[in-house]
Amino acid sequence: MLIICIVITSAISAGLHRLPSYATTKMTAASEYKRRLFSGVYCSDKNHSSLNGVPPLLSKKYCDIEPCLDLNPTAPHQSPEVLSNAIARLDINGWNTEGDFFDTTLLRAKVHLSMLREDVLELSLGTDTPVTLEIVKLVIQTV
């Protein structure tokens, strides 16, 4: 428990929970690395909460959860032309369109599942949270 608290506190202190969107800023190797790092921290928080039955320490209400791009892990370190070509081959949601499977593909999927897991944890661990079929359907539809 202590280690996850230290990791999350360090990530927040470093500002990883408030990274600018790629819609407004240019992607760099450093920004992508930060996004990958925070994605891992966010997923670890949800895993810890699920396994121990405790509330998550990070909430998407207070964090900018934008998954890393589904790029080859070496792409951010390539020349600007190679990087922009790789980004151009992504779909509008940041997934690669060539059917390639990278570590980042798995991390992106984990982030999306962790966001769903956060909603499920909120329903299951909340004290005054009504759980109805309509609410469960709404949670499932948000994914």
N, C-alpha and C. Protein backbone atom coordinates (compact mmCIF):
# COMPACT_ATOMS: atom_id res chain seq x y z
N MET A 1 0.83 -1.20 0.00
CA MET A 1 0.00 0.00 0.00
C MET A 1 0.86 1.26 0.00
N LEU A 2 1.93 1.22 0.79
CA LEU A 2 2.78 2.40 0.90
C LEU A 2 3.46 2.73 -0.43
N ILE A 3 3.88 1.69 -1.14
CA ILE A 3 4.58 1.93 -2.41
C ILE A 3 3.65 2.59 -3.42
N ILE A 4 2.41 2.10 -3.54
CA ILE A 4 1.48 2.70 -4.51
C ILE A 4 1.17 4.14 -4.12
N CYS A 5 1.08 4.43 -2.84
CA CYS A 5 0.86 5.81 -2.39
C CYS A 5 2.02 6.71 -2.78
N ILE A 6 3.24 6.22 -2.62
CA ILE A 6 4.42 7.01 -2.98
C ILE A 6 4.47 7.25 -4.48
N VAL A 7 4.17 6.21 -5.26
CA VAL A 7 4.20 6.35 -6.72
C VAL A 7 3.15 7.36 -7.17
N ILE A 8 1.95 7.27 -6.64
CA ILE A 8 0.87 8.18 -7.04
C ILE A 8 1.18 9.61 -6.60
N THR A 9 1.66 9.78 -5.39
CA THR A 9 2.03 11.11 -4.91
C THR A 9 3.14 11.71 -5.77
N SER A 10 4.11 10.90 -6.14
CA SER A 10 5.20 11.37 -7.00
C SER A 10 4.67 11.77 -8.37
N ALA A 11 3.77 10.97 -8.93
CA ALA A 11 3.21 11.27 -10.25
C ALA A 11 2.43 12.58 -10.22
N ILE A 12 1.64 12.79 -9.18
CA ILE A 12 0.87 14.02 -9.06
C ILE A 12 1.80 15.21 -8.83
N SER A 13 2.81 15.03 -7.98
CA SER A 13 3.76 16.12 -7.73
C SER A 13 4.51 16.52 -8.99
N ALA A 14 4.75 15.55 -9.86
CA ALA A 14 5.43 15.83 -11.12
C ALA A 14 4.48 16.40 -12.18
N GLY A 15 3.20 16.49 -11.85
CA GLY A 15 2.23 17.08 -12.77
C GLY A 15 1.77 16.13 -13.87
N LEU A 16 2.00 14.84 -13.71
CA LEU A 16 1.63 13.89 -14.74
C LEU A 16 0.11 13.73 -14.87
N HIS A 17 -0.63 14.15 -13.85
CA HIS A 17 -2.09 14.03 -13.90
C HIS A 17 -2.72 15.17 -14.70
N ARG A 18 -1.94 16.14 -15.13
CA ARG A 18 -2.46 17.30 -15.89
C ARG A 18 -1.63 17.55 -17.14
N LEU A 19 -1.46 16.53 -17.95
CA LEU A 19 -0.70 16.68 -19.18
C LEU A 19 -1.57 17.32 -20.25
N PRO A 20 -1.00 18.20 -21.07
CA PRO A 20 -1.79 18.84 -22.13
C PRO A 20 -2.23 17.82 -23.18
N SER A 21 -3.36 18.07 -23.77
CA SER A 21 -3.90 17.19 -24.79
C SER A 21 -3.09 17.33 -26.08
N TYR A 22 -2.99 16.23 -26.81
CA TYR A 22 -2.30 16.28 -28.09
C TYR A 22 -3.11 17.08 -29.12
N ALA A 23 -4.35 17.35 -28.82
CA ALA A 23 -5.16 18.18 -29.72
C ALA A 23 -4.68 19.63 -29.68
N THR A 24 -4.05 20.02 -28.57
CA THR A 24 -3.62 21.41 -28.42
C THR A 24 -2.10 21.59 -28.41
N THR A 25 -1.35 20.51 -28.24
CA THR A 25 0.10 20.62 -28.20
C THR A 25 0.73 19.56 -29.10
N LYS A 26 1.93 19.83 -29.52
CA LYS A 26 2.67 18.90 -30.37
C LYS A 26 3.22 17.76 -29.52
N MET A 27 3.14 16.55 -30.05
CA MET A 27 3.66 15.39 -29.34
C MET A 27 5.18 15.35 -29.46
N THR A 28 5.84 15.15 -28.32
CA THR A 28 7.29 14.99 -28.29
C THR A 28 7.60 13.67 -27.59
N ALA A 29 8.84 13.25 -27.67
CA ALA A 29 9.25 12.02 -26.98
C ALA A 29 9.00 12.17 -25.47
N ALA A 30 9.31 13.33 -24.93
CA ALA A 30 9.13 13.55 -23.49
C ALA A 30 7.65 13.52 -23.10
N SER A 31 6.80 14.19 -23.89
CA SER A 31 5.37 14.21 -23.55
C SER A 31 4.76 12.82 -23.66
N GLU A 32 5.18 12.05 -24.66
CA GLU A 32 4.66 10.69 -24.82
C GLU A 32 5.15 9.79 -23.70
N TYR A 33 6.39 9.95 -23.30
CA TYR A 33 6.91 9.16 -22.18
C TYR A 33 6.13 9.46 -20.90
N LYS A 34 5.86 10.73 -20.64
CA LYS A 34 5.07 11.12 -19.46
C LYS A 34 3.68 10.51 -19.51
N ARG A 35 3.07 10.53 -20.70
CA ARG A 35 1.72 9.98 -20.85
C ARG A 35 1.74 8.46 -20.60
N ARG A 36 2.76 7.78 -21.10
CA ARG A 36 2.89 6.34 -20.89
C ARG A 36 3.10 6.04 -19.41
N LEU A 37 3.93 6.84 -18.77
CA LEU A 37 4.20 6.66 -17.35
C LEU A 37 2.93 6.84 -16.53
N PHE A 38 2.19 7.92 -16.78
CA PHE A 38 0.97 8.15 -16.01
C PHE A 38 -0.08 7.10 -16.31
N SER A 39 -0.15 6.63 -17.54
CA SER A 39 -1.10 5.57 -17.88
C SER A 39 -0.83 4.33 -17.03
N GLY A 40 0.44 3.98 -16.87
CA GLY A 40 0.80 2.84 -16.03
C GLY A 40 0.46 3.05 -14.57
N VAL A 41 0.69 4.26 -14.07
CA VAL A 41 0.37 4.57 -12.67
C VAL A 41 -1.15 4.49 -12.46
N TYR A 42 -1.91 5.07 -13.39
CA TYR A 42 -3.38 5.05 -13.29
C TYR A 42 -3.91 3.62 -13.26
N CYS A 43 -3.40 2.78 -14.16
CA CYS A 43 -3.84 1.39 -14.21
C CYS A 43 -3.46 0.63 -12.94
N SER A 44 -2.26 0.89 -12.43
CA SER A 44 -1.81 0.23 -11.20
C SER A 44 -2.70 0.61 -10.02
N ASP A 45 -3.13 1.86 -9.98
CA ASP A 45 -4.02 2.31 -8.92
C ASP A 45 -5.34 1.55 -8.94
N LYS A 46 -5.89 1.36 -10.13
CA LYS A 46 -7.17 0.63 -10.23
C LYS A 46 -6.99 -0.84 -9.91
N ASN A 47 -5.86 -1.43 -10.30
CA ASN A 47 -5.59 -2.82 -9.95
C ASN A 47 -5.48 -2.98 -8.44
N HIS A 48 -4.75 -2.07 -7.81
CA HIS A 48 -4.59 -2.11 -6.35
C HIS A 48 -5.94 -2.00 -5.65
N SER A 49 -6.77 -1.08 -6.11
CA SER A 49 -8.09 -0.88 -5.50
C SER A 49 -8.96 -2.12 -5.67
N SER A 50 -8.93 -2.70 -6.85
CA SER A 50 -9.75 -3.88 -7.12
C SER A 50 -9.31 -5.07 -6.29
N LEU A 51 -8.01 -5.26 -6.18
CA LEU A 51 -7.51 -6.42 -5.44
C LEU A 51 -7.69 -6.29 -3.94
N ASN A 52 -7.68 -5.06 -3.43
CA ASN A 52 -7.75 -4.85 -1.98
C ASN A 52 -9.09 -4.32 -1.49
N GLY A 53 -10.01 -4.02 -2.42
CA GLY A 53 -11.32 -3.54 -2.01
C GLY A 53 -11.29 -2.18 -1.34
N VAL A 54 -10.37 -1.34 -1.78
CA VAL A 54 -10.25 0.01 -1.21
C VAL A 54 -10.51 1.02 -2.31
N PRO A 55 -10.92 2.23 -1.96
CA PRO A 55 -11.15 3.25 -2.99
C PRO A 55 -9.86 3.61 -3.72
N PRO A 56 -9.97 3.92 -5.00
CA PRO A 56 -8.77 4.34 -5.74
C PRO A 56 -8.25 5.67 -5.23
N LEU A 57 -6.96 5.87 -5.37
CA LEU A 57 -6.35 7.13 -4.95
C LEU A 57 -6.40 8.18 -6.06
N LEU A 58 -6.48 7.73 -7.31
CA LEU A 58 -6.60 8.64 -8.45
C LEU A 58 -8.02 8.57 -8.99
N SER A 59 -8.56 9.72 -9.32
CA SER A 59 -9.89 9.77 -9.89
C SER A 59 -9.84 10.50 -11.22
N LYS A 60 -10.57 9.97 -12.20
CA LYS A 60 -10.60 10.65 -13.50
C LYS A 60 -11.31 11.99 -13.42
N LYS A 61 -11.97 12.26 -12.30
CA LYS A 61 -12.57 13.58 -12.10
C LYS A 61 -11.49 14.65 -11.93
N TYR A 62 -10.33 14.25 -11.43
CA TYR A 62 -9.27 15.21 -11.12
C TYR A 62 -8.02 15.01 -11.97
N CYS A 63 -8.07 14.10 -12.91
CA CYS A 63 -6.91 13.81 -13.75
C CYS A 63 -7.30 13.89 -15.22
N ASP A 64 -6.37 14.26 -16.05
CA ASP A 64 -6.57 14.23 -17.49
C ASP A 64 -6.11 12.85 -17.96
N ILE A 65 -7.05 11.96 -18.17
CA ILE A 65 -6.71 10.60 -18.57
C ILE A 65 -6.83 10.52 -20.08
N GLU A 66 -5.72 10.75 -20.75
CA GLU A 66 -5.65 10.58 -22.19
C GLU A 66 -4.58 9.52 -22.42
N PRO A 67 -4.97 8.36 -22.93
CA PRO A 67 -3.97 7.30 -23.10
C PRO A 67 -2.86 7.71 -24.07
N CYS A 68 -1.73 7.05 -23.93
CA CYS A 68 -0.64 7.27 -24.87
C CYS A 68 -1.09 6.85 -26.26
N LEU A 69 -0.37 7.31 -27.27
CA LEU A 69 -0.71 6.95 -28.65
C LEU A 69 -0.27 5.52 -28.95
N ASP A 70 -0.97 4.87 -29.84
CA ASP A 70 -0.68 3.49 -30.20
C ASP A 70 0.42 3.46 -31.27
N LEU A 71 1.60 3.89 -30.84
CA LEU A 71 2.76 3.96 -31.73
C LEU A 71 3.78 2.90 -31.36
N ASN A 72 4.61 2.57 -32.32
CA ASN A 72 5.77 1.74 -32.04
C ASN A 72 6.54 2.44 -30.93
N PRO A 73 6.98 1.73 -29.90
CA PRO A 73 7.68 2.38 -28.78
C PRO A 73 8.89 3.21 -29.19
N THR A 74 9.49 2.91 -30.33
CA THR A 74 10.65 3.68 -30.77
C THR A 74 10.28 4.90 -31.60
N ALA A 75 9.04 5.01 -32.02
CA ALA A 75 8.61 6.11 -32.90
C ALA A 75 8.88 7.50 -32.34
N PRO A 76 8.62 7.76 -31.05
CA PRO A 76 8.88 9.12 -30.54
C PRO A 76 10.35 9.53 -30.62
N HIS A 77 11.24 8.57 -30.76
CA HIS A 77 12.67 8.87 -30.79
C HIS A 77 13.22 8.94 -32.22
N GLN A 78 12.35 8.83 -33.20
CA GLN A 78 12.76 8.91 -34.60
C GLN A 78 12.79 10.37 -35.05
N SER A 79 13.18 10.57 -36.27
CA SER A 79 13.22 11.93 -36.82
C SER A 79 11.80 12.51 -36.87
N PRO A 80 11.66 13.82 -36.89
CA PRO A 80 10.32 14.43 -36.93
C PRO A 80 9.48 13.96 -38.11
N GLU A 81 10.10 13.70 -39.24
CA GLU A 81 9.34 13.24 -40.41
C GLU A 81 8.79 11.84 -40.19
N VAL A 82 9.63 10.95 -39.67
CA VAL A 82 9.19 9.57 -39.41
C VAL A 82 8.09 9.58 -38.35
N LEU A 83 8.26 10.39 -37.32
CA LEU A 83 7.26 10.49 -36.26
C LEU A 83 5.93 11.02 -36.79
N SER A 84 5.97 12.08 -37.58
CA SER A 84 4.72 12.64 -38.11
C SER A 84 4.03 11.65 -39.07
N ASN A 85 4.80 10.86 -39.81
CA ASN A 85 4.20 9.83 -40.66
C ASN A 85 3.53 8.74 -39.82
N ALA A 86 4.18 8.36 -38.72
CA ALA A 86 3.60 7.35 -37.83
C ALA A 86 2.31 7.87 -37.20
N ILE A 87 2.31 9.12 -36.79
CA ILE A 87 1.11 9.72 -36.19
C ILE A 87 0.00 9.82 -37.23
N ALA A 88 0.34 10.14 -38.45
CA ALA A 88 -0.66 10.27 -39.52
C ALA A 88 -1.35 8.94 -39.81
N ARG A 89 -0.70 7.84 -39.50
CA ARG A 89 -1.30 6.52 -39.75
C ARG A 89 -2.22 6.07 -38.61
N LEU A 90 -2.35 6.87 -37.56
CA LEU A 90 -3.26 6.55 -36.46
C LEU A 90 -4.66 7.01 -36.81
N ASP A 91 -5.66 6.33 -36.23
CA ASP A 91 -7.03 6.80 -36.45
C ASP A 91 -7.31 8.00 -35.55
N ILE A 92 -8.51 8.52 -35.62
CA ILE A 92 -8.86 9.74 -34.88
C ILE A 92 -8.77 9.55 -33.37
N ASN A 93 -8.88 8.29 -32.89
CA ASN A 93 -8.82 8.01 -31.46
C ASN A 93 -7.42 7.63 -30.98
N GLY A 94 -6.43 7.63 -31.89
CA GLY A 94 -5.06 7.34 -31.49
C GLY A 94 -4.63 5.89 -31.63
N TRP A 95 -5.48 5.04 -32.22
CA TRP A 95 -5.14 3.63 -32.43
C TRP A 95 -4.45 3.48 -33.78
N ASN A 96 -3.50 2.53 -33.87
CA ASN A 96 -2.85 2.30 -35.15
C ASN A 96 -3.82 1.59 -36.09
N THR A 97 -3.70 1.89 -37.35
CA THR A 97 -4.64 1.36 -38.35
C THR A 97 -4.04 0.23 -39.17
N GLU A 98 -2.83 -0.17 -38.83
CA GLU A 98 -2.15 -1.19 -39.63
C GLU A 98 -2.20 -2.57 -39.00
N GLY A 99 -2.90 -2.70 -37.88
CA GLY A 99 -3.03 -3.99 -37.22
C GLY A 99 -1.82 -4.40 -36.41
N ASP A 100 -0.89 -3.48 -36.20
CA ASP A 100 0.29 -3.80 -35.40
C ASP A 100 -0.08 -3.85 -33.92
N PHE A 101 0.65 -4.65 -33.17
CA PHE A 101 0.41 -4.78 -31.74
C PHE A 101 1.68 -4.43 -31.00
N PHE A 102 1.64 -3.35 -30.24
CA PHE A 102 2.80 -2.88 -29.48
C PHE A 102 2.48 -2.91 -27.99
N ASP A 103 3.50 -2.64 -27.18
CA ASP A 103 3.27 -2.50 -25.74
C ASP A 103 2.27 -1.37 -25.48
N THR A 104 2.34 -0.34 -26.30
CA THR A 104 1.44 0.79 -26.13
C THR A 104 0.00 0.42 -26.46
N THR A 105 -0.18 -0.56 -27.35
CA THR A 105 -1.53 -1.03 -27.67
C THR A 105 -2.17 -1.62 -26.42
N LEU A 106 -1.42 -2.46 -25.74
CA LEU A 106 -1.90 -3.07 -24.51
C LEU A 106 -2.13 -2.03 -23.42
N LEU A 107 -1.21 -1.08 -23.31
CA LEU A 107 -1.36 -0.04 -22.29
C LEU A 107 -2.59 0.81 -22.55
N ARG A 108 -2.85 1.16 -23.81
CA ARG A 108 -4.06 1.93 -24.15
C ARG A 108 -5.31 1.15 -23.75
N ALA A 109 -5.33 -0.13 -24.07
CA ALA A 109 -6.49 -0.97 -23.72
C ALA A 109 -6.66 -1.03 -22.20
N LYS A 110 -5.55 -1.15 -21.47
CA LYS A 110 -5.62 -1.19 -20.01
C LYS A 110 -6.18 0.11 -19.44
N VAL A 111 -5.80 1.24 -20.04
CA VAL A 111 -6.33 2.53 -19.57
C VAL A 111 -7.85 2.58 -19.74
N HIS A 112 -8.33 2.15 -20.89
CA HIS A 112 -9.78 2.16 -21.12
C HIS A 112 -10.49 1.22 -20.14
N LEU A 113 -9.92 0.05 -19.91
CA LEU A 113 -10.51 -0.87 -18.94
C LEU A 113 -10.43 -0.32 -17.52
N SER A 114 -9.35 0.37 -17.20
CA SER A 114 -9.21 0.96 -15.87
C SER A 114 -10.22 2.06 -15.63
N MET A 115 -10.56 2.80 -16.69
CA MET A 115 -11.60 3.83 -16.54
C MET A 115 -12.94 3.18 -16.24
N LEU A 116 -13.23 2.07 -16.89
CA LEU A 116 -14.45 1.31 -16.58
C LEU A 116 -14.37 0.74 -15.17
N ARG A 117 -13.20 0.23 -14.82
CA ARG A 117 -13.02 -0.34 -13.48
C ARG A 117 -13.25 0.73 -12.42
N GLU A 118 -12.82 1.97 -12.68
CA GLU A 118 -13.04 3.05 -11.73
C GLU A 118 -14.53 3.27 -11.50
N ASP A 119 -15.31 3.24 -12.58
CA ASP A 119 -16.76 3.40 -12.44
C ASP A 119 -17.37 2.26 -11.63
N VAL A 120 -16.90 1.04 -11.88
CA VAL A 120 -17.40 -0.12 -11.15
C VAL A 120 -17.00 -0.03 -9.67
N LEU A 121 -15.78 0.40 -9.40
CA LEU A 121 -15.35 0.58 -8.02
C LEU A 121 -16.19 1.64 -7.31
N GLU A 122 -16.52 2.70 -8.02
CA GLU A 122 -17.36 3.75 -7.43
C GLU A 122 -18.73 3.20 -7.04
N LEU A 123 -19.28 2.35 -7.91
CA LEU A 123 -20.58 1.75 -7.60
C LEU A 123 -20.47 0.74 -6.46
N SER A 124 -19.42 -0.06 -6.48
CA SER A 124 -19.33 -1.14 -5.49
C SER A 124 -18.83 -0.67 -4.12
N LEU A 125 -18.01 0.36 -4.09
CA LEU A 125 -17.44 0.81 -2.82
C LEU A 125 -18.12 2.06 -2.27
N GLY A 126 -18.97 2.70 -3.08
CA GLY A 126 -19.64 3.92 -2.63
C GLY A 126 -20.59 3.64 -1.48
N THR A 127 -20.74 4.61 -0.61
CA THR A 127 -21.61 4.42 0.55
C THR A 127 -23.06 4.76 0.25
N ASP A 128 -23.30 5.81 -0.50
CA ASP A 128 -24.67 6.22 -0.80
C ASP A 128 -24.93 6.16 -2.30
N THR A 129 -24.35 5.17 -2.95
CA THR A 129 -24.48 5.06 -4.39
C THR A 129 -25.57 4.05 -4.74
N PRO A 130 -26.66 4.53 -5.33
CA PRO A 130 -27.71 3.57 -5.73
C PRO A 130 -27.24 2.80 -6.96
N VAL A 131 -27.38 1.50 -6.92
CA VAL A 131 -26.98 0.66 -8.04
C VAL A 131 -28.24 0.07 -8.65
N THR A 132 -28.56 0.55 -9.82
CA THR A 132 -29.73 0.04 -10.55
C THR A 132 -29.26 -0.47 -11.90
N LEU A 133 -30.12 -1.20 -12.56
CA LEU A 133 -29.79 -1.72 -13.88
C LEU A 133 -29.51 -0.58 -14.85
N GLU A 134 -30.24 0.51 -14.74
CA GLU A 134 -30.03 1.66 -15.62
C GLU A 134 -28.64 2.27 -15.42
N ILE A 135 -28.20 2.36 -14.18
CA ILE A 135 -26.88 2.93 -13.89
C ILE A 135 -25.79 2.01 -14.42
N VAL A 136 -25.95 0.71 -14.25
CA VAL A 136 -24.97 -0.25 -14.75
C VAL A 136 -24.88 -0.17 -16.27
N LYS A 137 -26.04 -0.07 -16.94
CA LYS A 137 -26.05 0.07 -18.40
C LYS A 137 -25.36 1.36 -18.83
N LEU A 138 -25.57 2.43 -18.08
CA LEU A 138 -24.94 3.72 -18.39
C LEU A 138 -23.41 3.62 -18.26
N VAL A 139 -22.94 2.93 -17.23
CA VAL A 139 -21.51 2.75 -17.04
C VAL A 139 -20.93 1.95 -18.19
N ILE A 140 -21.59 0.92 -18.60
CA ILE A 140 -21.10 0.07 -19.69
C ILE A 140 -21.08 0.84 -21.00
N GLN A 141 -22.06 1.70 -21.22
CA GLN A 141 -22.14 2.45 -22.47
C GLN A 141 -21.06 3.51 -22.60
N THR A 142 -20.49 3.95 -21.48
CA THR A 142 -19.47 5.00 -21.54
C THR A 142 -18.13 4.49 -22.05
N VAL A 143 -17.97 3.19 -22.13
CA VAL A 143 -16.68 2.64 -22.55
C VAL A 143 -16.53 2.66 -24.04
